[in-house]
Amino acid sequence: MAEQAFVGAGQRPGLVAWRIEKLIPVPVTKDLHKLYSGDSYIFLQTVQKNSSLTWNIHFWLGKDTSQDESGVAAYKTVELDESLGGGPVQYRECQGFESDLFLSYFKSTGIEYLTGGVASGFNKVVRDQYDTKLLQVKGKRTVRVNQVATKNTSLTKDDVYILDLGLEIFVFNGSTANRQEKAKALDYVRQLNNNERGARAQITFLDDEPKNEKFWTTLGGFINVTKEGDDDDAHDQAHRESIKLIQLSDASSSLKTVDVTPKDGVLKKDLLNSTDVFIVDAGNVLHVWIGRGASADERKNGVIYASQYLTQTKRPAQTPITRVAEGGEGSAFKALFHAWDPPRTISFGQQASTSATTRAVEDKGVDASALFSASAAEDDDLFAGQDGTNAIKVWRIENLEKVQVDAATYGEFFGGDSYVVLNTFTPKSGAKPSHVIYFWQGRQSSQDEKAASALWAQRLDDEMGGSPVQVRVVQGKEPSHFRRLFLGRLIVHSGGKASGFKNRHDQDSYDDDGVSLFHIKGTSELNTFATQVDEVAANLNSGDVFVLTTPRQVYQWQGSGSNAEERRVASNIAAILKGKRAVTVVDEGDADDAFWNFLGGKTDDYPKVKAGQEAEHEPRLFHVTNETGYFHASEIHSFAQDDLNIDDVFLLDCYTTLYLWVGQGANESEKRGALKIANDYLAAAQSDGRGEGTPVISIQSGKEPAIFTCHFAGWDAAFFHQPAFVDPYEAKLQKLRDEKAKAAGAVAPAAAAPAPVHDAPPAPVAAVAGGNQTFTLQQLIAGVDGIDLTRKESYLSDAEFKTVLGVTRGEFAALPKWKQQAKKKEVNLF
């Protein structure tokens, strides 16, 4: 009999979880990122690709979980797998050693490890009574927050720590902690204070008060912290042998394992027998493959034998184990076999002709084959597995107030604004409705608007008794459950309302020249969305659909490689945008001169795929760094432009081409090492049938061609054109300090009311004392008396104007006003 808790699971995209309580799986309805170290959990990730569903099941084992609970988690995982027809891929996750795929589900929240077990979760919460905790924060992309002993000897010099006393929170940065980790820790502190303390906690930074008495007294006294912690990217020193294939069979009436690895070490698909189970030892991970005709005994014992195999080969107990059924193999498994799928020819138009070196190169820092074997991920659904209806309300932040949006325009957002969205989910079962509050922040929205969106979300949460779930959504990283709320009508426009108070000269900015280009992206009708991009032909992409609006006509341009869902949703979006204009559907290759004229002239210089074919392989992004003294690379799942860090190097694998993206702050060693990793990666990738000679294209940050940017939804060309690096930690720290000062009443005395402002002609540069005097960017940001504050950019020298804004004065003057405003905001000249 199937487990009752699993009934209906896996029927809708998203992430759901169960905790093992008294040896029974019990659904976890909120805070899926908070995991008790004394418990075991089962996570089910359902992914929709076009009209089909695929599944990943992870059973997570806390470091203090009992053997009974971990056994039940493993057994129930098989039950859940079989209830879904044996199609899911199974992963065993151990606390502190989770896979990148599992961690990718928690990018926005991080993972918080809580001490104790299931019983600890039922303690009654008493207002303003909190347990003292010392939390260690680790991780650059997905934060892991681990409770450690509340004593000074727990501190290390290369990590960040948070001492949580309830309404007092202390932040301690180790002397060698990296800035990304410190910035992530501040994000966590803000979430903790806003979501759990009602924004009432007093936050103290040990950087400001290094000998704070209360902090050190709580930990047992002041010490000089010199102890080193574990590397954030702990280097795997285990010996990696060649891939091995182990057969598990009961053909002889008892289960036996046999090493069937070919002498040449090359695995081929036909080695797998559908009547048996196989263990593929890839060094850093074990895959358990279940044949369709395998016996029940073989199917149930595959993972058990894999665990025993780890012990026999003296491998770490936390080595990942995945279970995959025949027919449901993902890229992680297929990559280990030579030419699992026959290669497909795909043309991407003009590309660099330089071929990559494919010879094997010794590498002691990165296992390129392990990179290639990683798998992809999708994001979660907050109400997966439940049948019901959604009702939404949307507010836009205007002058720091929450202003309700006309329901007729729900789904239309502006990149220069921030919004609050309330979703009420009502189950058909008659159960109590659930609420989710999203605060969506546009990439060009001002800091005060973003802060106001978070504040209004918190106020709305308080008004509703604290029951809603809050979700911060950043433009370009909208999760599927957010996109689905708008039923394929999500459109992100450029421009937006002026900031509330950060700049009294700021003005509303919209693209009002009558010509706009929208890029349609998505995998299904429900999660497809549109993002406005610059209206130039180079932004087209044969793999997608675009909607071009002009003063008298709307065009729906359909790339030869676009799918039916994208075309269907594009029709919906075109209908929303058309007004009284007619919509003309144009297939790639059939556009007339009028169409091309609106995009600056006809050109073939944009990314292409061969007509009638779609790229079979999804792009994959890898982060490469030598920050810890050796090279480390990790895959970034569900990537966006914001994941690119200008201090590092990234690999983007598009199957027919490998891109090497070099951040302007990357060091020479990283640049040289990244090219070596790219070559090793391609050598390992030959097993997928792509053949030799795959081009490697090196790209500098800020100079990305369209063939690269087309893989990032809503690419912002100005994103990397900053005049100088802005340390994310320092920016967030200053914001928290400002909030602290404001809360304490430590604000500057109010200035006298300014005289009434009257219209006047633009002031020429010569009006400044000193004749045609110019100022540096730093001087203008700091403030200069006697200049026209609405035209700060005009006081830059010609050379610095081009460096700072990325265009000449003439090119800048030709831009629409909203684009001028956006560029000025990027460099703090608004």
Foldseek 3Di string as FASTA:
>chain_A
DAQPQLVLFQPDAFKWKFWQDPLHTDTDQDDPQEAELQTKMKMWGWDDFAHDIAIEIEIEHRPNHDPSRSVSSLQNSLSSCVVVVVAYKYKYFYPPRGALQVLLQQQFPAHEYDYDDDVVVPDDDDPQDDDWWKWWWADQRGIYIYTDDLAPVVDAQATWIWTPPQQEIEIEHRVNHDLSRLLVVLVNVVCCLVQPVVVRHFYYYCVVVVPPPVSQVRRPHDDDHHHHDADSQHFDPDDFDQKWKWWWACPVVDTDIDTPQDPVSAAAPVVDDLQTWMWICRRQEIEIEHHVNHDPVRSSCRVVVVQVVCVVVVHDSRRMYMYRYPPNDFQLPLLRHFQRDADDDKDWPDDDQFFAAQDADDADGEDLLNQRNDGFHAYRASQRSFDWDKDKWKFWQALLDTHTDDPLCPQEAELQTKMKMKIWTQTPVRDDIAIEIEIEHHPNHDPSRSVSSSVVSSVVCVVVVVRHHYHYHYPLQHHQNRQLVVQLQHEYAYWAQFDNPPDPLTGGAHDPQFWWKWWWDDRARRRIYIYIDPLAPQLDALQTWMWITHNAAIEIEHRLNHDPSRSVSSVVNCVSPQVPHYYHYHYPPRDDQVSNVSNVHDDPNYTHIPGPDYQPDQKWKKWWDCVVPGIDIDTNHSDAPVVDDLLTWMWICSLLAIEIEHRPNHDPVRVVVVSSSVSNNVNSSSSNNSDGGRYYHYHYPLGDGSSVCNSHPNDDSCQRLELDDDSSSVVSVVVVVVVSCVVVVNDDPDDDDDDDDDDDPADDCLQDPPGNAADALVDVLVPDPPHDLSPNLNRHDQVVSCSHQVDGPVVLVPDRPSVNSSSCSSHNSD
